[in-house]
Amino acid sequence: MSEPIKQGNAFVIEENGEMVAEITFVPQGEDTLVIDHTYVSEAMRGQKLAETLVKQVVDYARQTNKKIIPACSYAEAQFRRKKEYHDVWKQ
């Protein structure tokens, strides 16, 4: 399985050239990203791929000095659970 790859306003994880997990975000203004969708294929669930993708967006936001609005329910749950994400959480 590959490491997450940035593709436009998304990070994806591929296996054998096929996308098996994805997180998408949209810019809102100049300093905010809105995570609007997280997907993991049924066959790959339970392997913490979505968690990995949320962390990838958090790292990207830190590198680009942006805040995140976790609009997708999975991302919001991760932000509530992980205090280490609160520095980039735009509440």
N, C-alpha and C. Protein backbone atom coordinates (compact mmCIF):
# COMPACT_ATOMS: atom_id res chain seq x y z
N MET A 1 0.84 -1.17 0.00
CA MET A 1 0.00 0.00 0.00
C MET A 1 0.88 1.24 0.00
N SER A 2 0.47 2.22 -0.78
CA SER A 2 1.29 3.43 -0.91
C SER A 2 1.03 4.41 0.23
N GLU A 3 1.94 5.35 0.36
CA GLU A 3 1.76 6.46 1.28
C GLU A 3 0.72 7.40 0.66
N PRO A 4 0.07 8.23 1.48
CA PRO A 4 -0.89 9.18 0.92
C PRO A 4 -0.22 10.11 -0.10
N ILE A 5 -0.93 10.37 -1.19
CA ILE A 5 -0.46 11.23 -2.27
C ILE A 5 -1.43 12.40 -2.39
N LYS A 6 -0.90 13.61 -2.50
CA LYS A 6 -1.77 14.77 -2.71
C LYS A 6 -2.16 14.84 -4.17
N GLN A 7 -3.45 14.92 -4.41
CA GLN A 7 -3.98 15.07 -5.77
C GLN A 7 -4.99 16.20 -5.75
N GLY A 8 -4.57 17.38 -6.17
CA GLY A 8 -5.46 18.53 -6.12
C GLY A 8 -5.83 18.85 -4.68
N ASN A 9 -7.12 18.93 -4.39
CA ASN A 9 -7.59 19.19 -3.03
C ASN A 9 -7.99 17.89 -2.35
N ALA A 10 -7.12 16.90 -2.46
CA ALA A 10 -7.37 15.60 -1.84
C ALA A 10 -6.04 14.91 -1.54
N PHE A 11 -6.12 13.97 -0.62
CA PHE A 11 -5.03 13.02 -0.41
C PHE A 11 -5.65 11.65 -0.65
N VAL A 12 -4.93 10.80 -1.37
CA VAL A 12 -5.43 9.46 -1.67
C VAL A 12 -4.39 8.42 -1.30
N ILE A 13 -4.87 7.23 -1.00
CA ILE A 13 -4.01 6.07 -0.78
C ILE A 13 -4.39 5.05 -1.85
N GLU A 14 -3.39 4.54 -2.52
CA GLU A 14 -3.62 3.56 -3.58
C GLU A 14 -3.02 2.22 -3.22
N GLU A 15 -3.61 1.19 -3.76
CA GLU A 15 -3.06 -0.16 -3.66
C GLU A 15 -3.16 -0.77 -5.04
N ASN A 16 -2.03 -1.24 -5.56
CA ASN A 16 -1.98 -1.82 -6.90
C ASN A 16 -2.56 -0.87 -7.94
N GLY A 17 -2.25 0.43 -7.80
CA GLY A 17 -2.70 1.42 -8.76
C GLY A 17 -4.16 1.83 -8.64
N GLU A 18 -4.86 1.32 -7.63
CA GLU A 18 -6.27 1.62 -7.46
C GLU A 18 -6.48 2.40 -6.16
N MET A 19 -7.29 3.46 -6.21
CA MET A 19 -7.56 4.26 -5.04
C MET A 19 -8.40 3.46 -4.04
N VAL A 20 -7.89 3.35 -2.79
CA VAL A 20 -8.62 2.61 -1.77
C VAL A 20 -9.08 3.50 -0.62
N ALA A 21 -8.54 4.73 -0.54
CA ALA A 21 -8.95 5.66 0.50
C ALA A 21 -8.70 7.08 0.01
N GLU A 22 -9.57 8.00 0.48
CA GLU A 22 -9.47 9.37 0.01
C GLU A 22 -10.04 10.32 1.05
N ILE A 23 -9.43 11.49 1.13
CA ILE A 23 -9.98 12.59 1.93
C ILE A 23 -9.93 13.81 1.04
N THR A 24 -11.03 14.57 1.02
CA THR A 24 -11.06 15.77 0.20
C THR A 24 -11.29 16.99 1.08
N PHE A 25 -10.77 18.11 0.60
CA PHE A 25 -10.93 19.37 1.33
C PHE A 25 -11.06 20.49 0.32
N VAL A 26 -11.73 21.55 0.72
CA VAL A 26 -11.88 22.70 -0.16
C VAL A 26 -11.37 23.94 0.57
N PRO A 27 -10.66 24.81 -0.15
CA PRO A 27 -10.21 26.05 0.46
C PRO A 27 -11.41 26.95 0.77
N GLN A 28 -11.34 27.63 1.88
CA GLN A 28 -12.35 28.64 2.24
C GLN A 28 -11.57 29.89 2.63
N GLY A 29 -11.57 30.86 1.76
CA GLY A 29 -10.74 32.03 1.98
C GLY A 29 -9.28 31.66 1.79
N GLU A 30 -8.41 32.50 2.33
CA GLU A 30 -6.98 32.28 2.14
C GLU A 30 -6.34 31.42 3.22
N ASP A 31 -7.01 31.27 4.36
CA ASP A 31 -6.34 30.62 5.49
C ASP A 31 -7.08 29.42 6.07
N THR A 32 -8.08 28.90 5.35
CA THR A 32 -8.89 27.82 5.91
C THR A 32 -9.11 26.72 4.88
N LEU A 33 -9.09 25.47 5.37
CA LEU A 33 -9.44 24.29 4.58
C LEU A 33 -10.65 23.65 5.23
N VAL A 34 -11.60 23.20 4.44
CA VAL A 34 -12.77 22.49 4.94
C VAL A 34 -12.66 21.04 4.50
N ILE A 35 -12.50 20.13 5.47
CA ILE A 35 -12.51 18.70 5.13
C ILE A 35 -13.97 18.32 4.93
N ASP A 36 -14.31 17.93 3.70
CA ASP A 36 -15.71 17.68 3.38
C ASP A 36 -16.05 16.22 3.08
N HIS A 37 -15.04 15.36 3.00
CA HIS A 37 -15.34 13.97 2.63
C HIS A 37 -14.18 13.06 2.98
N THR A 38 -14.50 11.93 3.57
CA THR A 38 -13.50 10.89 3.84
C THR A 38 -14.10 9.57 3.36
N TYR A 39 -13.29 8.80 2.63
CA TYR A 39 -13.77 7.52 2.09
C TYR A 39 -12.68 6.47 2.23
N VAL A 40 -13.09 5.27 2.64
CA VAL A 40 -12.21 4.10 2.64
C VAL A 40 -13.01 2.94 2.05
N SER A 41 -12.42 2.25 1.07
CA SER A 41 -13.13 1.13 0.46
C SER A 41 -13.45 0.08 1.51
N GLU A 42 -14.54 -0.62 1.29
CA GLU A 42 -14.99 -1.60 2.26
C GLU A 42 -13.92 -2.63 2.59
N ALA A 43 -13.19 -3.06 1.59
CA ALA A 43 -12.16 -4.10 1.78
C ALA A 43 -11.00 -3.61 2.66
N MET A 44 -10.82 -2.28 2.75
CA MET A 44 -9.67 -1.73 3.48
C MET A 44 -10.04 -1.12 4.83
N ARG A 45 -11.29 -1.20 5.21
CA ARG A 45 -11.72 -0.61 6.48
C ARG A 45 -11.08 -1.32 7.66
N GLY A 46 -10.92 -0.60 8.75
CA GLY A 46 -10.34 -1.16 9.96
C GLY A 46 -8.82 -1.10 9.99
N GLN A 47 -8.20 -0.45 9.01
CA GLN A 47 -6.75 -0.37 8.95
C GLN A 47 -6.22 1.04 9.25
N LYS A 48 -7.10 1.89 9.76
CA LYS A 48 -6.75 3.26 10.16
C LYS A 48 -6.32 4.14 8.99
N LEU A 49 -6.81 3.81 7.79
CA LEU A 49 -6.47 4.62 6.63
C LEU A 49 -7.09 6.01 6.71
N ALA A 50 -8.33 6.10 7.15
CA ALA A 50 -8.98 7.41 7.27
C ALA A 50 -8.26 8.26 8.31
N GLU A 51 -7.85 7.64 9.40
CA GLU A 51 -7.09 8.36 10.43
C GLU A 51 -5.77 8.89 9.85
N THR A 52 -5.12 8.08 9.06
CA THR A 52 -3.87 8.50 8.40
C THR A 52 -4.12 9.70 7.48
N LEU A 53 -5.24 9.67 6.77
CA LEU A 53 -5.54 10.75 5.84
C LEU A 53 -5.87 12.05 6.57
N VAL A 54 -6.59 11.97 7.68
CA VAL A 54 -6.88 13.17 8.47
C VAL A 54 -5.56 13.78 8.94
N LYS A 55 -4.66 12.93 9.44
CA LYS A 55 -3.36 13.43 9.90
C LYS A 55 -2.61 14.09 8.75
N GLN A 56 -2.73 13.56 7.55
CA GLN A 56 -2.05 14.13 6.39
C GLN A 56 -2.55 15.55 6.12
N VAL A 57 -3.87 15.76 6.21
CA VAL A 57 -4.42 17.10 6.00
C VAL A 57 -3.98 18.04 7.13
N VAL A 58 -3.95 17.53 8.35
CA VAL A 58 -3.47 18.34 9.49
C VAL A 58 -2.03 18.77 9.24
N ASP A 59 -1.19 17.85 8.84
CA ASP A 59 0.22 18.18 8.56
C ASP A 59 0.31 19.21 7.43
N TYR A 60 -0.49 19.03 6.39
CA TYR A 60 -0.50 19.96 5.27
C TYR A 60 -0.94 21.36 5.74
N ALA A 61 -1.96 21.42 6.59
CA ALA A 61 -2.43 22.71 7.10
C ALA A 61 -1.33 23.40 7.91
N ARG A 62 -0.62 22.63 8.71
CA ARG A 62 0.48 23.21 9.49
C ARG A 62 1.58 23.75 8.58
N GLN A 63 1.91 23.01 7.54
CA GLN A 63 2.96 23.43 6.62
C GLN A 63 2.58 24.68 5.84
N THR A 64 1.30 24.87 5.61
CA THR A 64 0.84 26.00 4.79
C THR A 64 0.17 27.09 5.63
N ASN A 65 0.30 26.98 6.96
CA ASN A 65 -0.26 27.98 7.89
C ASN A 65 -1.76 28.20 7.69
N LYS A 66 -2.49 27.09 7.65
CA LYS A 66 -3.94 27.17 7.48
C LYS A 66 -4.64 26.51 8.67
N LYS A 67 -5.89 26.85 8.85
CA LYS A 67 -6.75 26.22 9.85
C LYS A 67 -7.70 25.28 9.12
N ILE A 68 -8.32 24.37 9.88
CA ILE A 68 -9.21 23.36 9.30
C ILE A 68 -10.58 23.42 9.94
N ILE A 69 -11.61 23.35 9.10
CA ILE A 69 -12.97 23.12 9.56
C ILE A 69 -13.30 21.67 9.18
N PRO A 70 -13.44 20.77 10.16
CA PRO A 70 -13.75 19.37 9.85
C PRO A 70 -15.26 19.19 9.64
N ALA A 71 -15.74 19.42 8.42
CA ALA A 71 -17.17 19.33 8.13
C ALA A 71 -17.65 17.89 8.01
N CYS A 72 -16.78 17.00 7.61
CA CYS A 72 -17.16 15.58 7.51
C CYS A 72 -17.20 14.98 8.92
N SER A 73 -18.16 14.12 9.18
CA SER A 73 -18.36 13.59 10.53
C SER A 73 -17.16 12.81 11.05
N TYR A 74 -16.49 12.06 10.18
CA TYR A 74 -15.32 11.30 10.64
C TYR A 74 -14.20 12.25 11.06
N ALA A 75 -13.93 13.25 10.23
CA ALA A 75 -12.86 14.20 10.55
C ALA A 75 -13.20 14.95 11.84
N GLU A 76 -14.45 15.34 12.01
CA GLU A 76 -14.84 16.05 13.23
C GLU A 76 -14.60 15.17 14.46
N ALA A 77 -14.94 13.90 14.36
CA ALA A 77 -14.72 12.98 15.48
C ALA A 77 -13.23 12.88 15.81
N GLN A 78 -12.38 12.85 14.79
CA GLN A 78 -10.94 12.80 15.02
C GLN A 78 -10.44 14.07 15.70
N PHE A 79 -10.95 15.21 15.29
CA PHE A 79 -10.53 16.48 15.89
C PHE A 79 -10.98 16.55 17.36
N ARG A 80 -12.16 16.02 17.66
CA ARG A 80 -12.63 16.02 19.05
C ARG A 80 -11.79 15.07 19.91
N ARG A 81 -11.36 13.96 19.32
CA ARG A 81 -10.62 12.93 20.04
C ARG A 81 -9.15 13.29 20.26
N LYS A 82 -8.56 14.02 19.32
CA LYS A 82 -7.11 14.25 19.34
C LYS A 82 -6.79 15.72 19.66
N LYS A 83 -6.37 15.95 20.87
CA LYS A 83 -6.03 17.31 21.29
C LYS A 83 -4.88 17.89 20.47
N GLU A 84 -4.01 17.03 19.93
CA GLU A 84 -2.88 17.52 19.14
C GLU A 84 -3.31 18.17 17.83
N TYR A 85 -4.59 18.05 17.45
CA TYR A 85 -5.09 18.71 16.25
C TYR A 85 -5.69 20.08 16.54
N HIS A 86 -5.86 20.41 17.82
CA HIS A 86 -6.58 21.63 18.17
C HIS A 86 -5.88 22.90 17.71
N ASP A 87 -4.56 22.84 17.46
CA ASP A 87 -3.85 24.04 16.99
C ASP A 87 -4.29 24.46 15.58
N VAL A 88 -4.82 23.54 14.80
CA VAL A 88 -5.25 23.88 13.44
C VAL A 88 -6.78 23.86 13.29
N TRP A 89 -7.48 23.58 14.37
CA TRP A 89 -8.94 23.47 14.32
C TRP A 89 -9.57 24.85 14.39
N LYS A 90 -10.27 25.24 13.34
CA LYS A 90 -10.98 26.52 13.33
C LYS A 90 -12.39 26.27 13.83
N GLN A 91 -12.64 26.64 15.07
CA GLN A 91 -13.94 26.37 15.69
C GLN A 91 -14.85 27.57 15.64
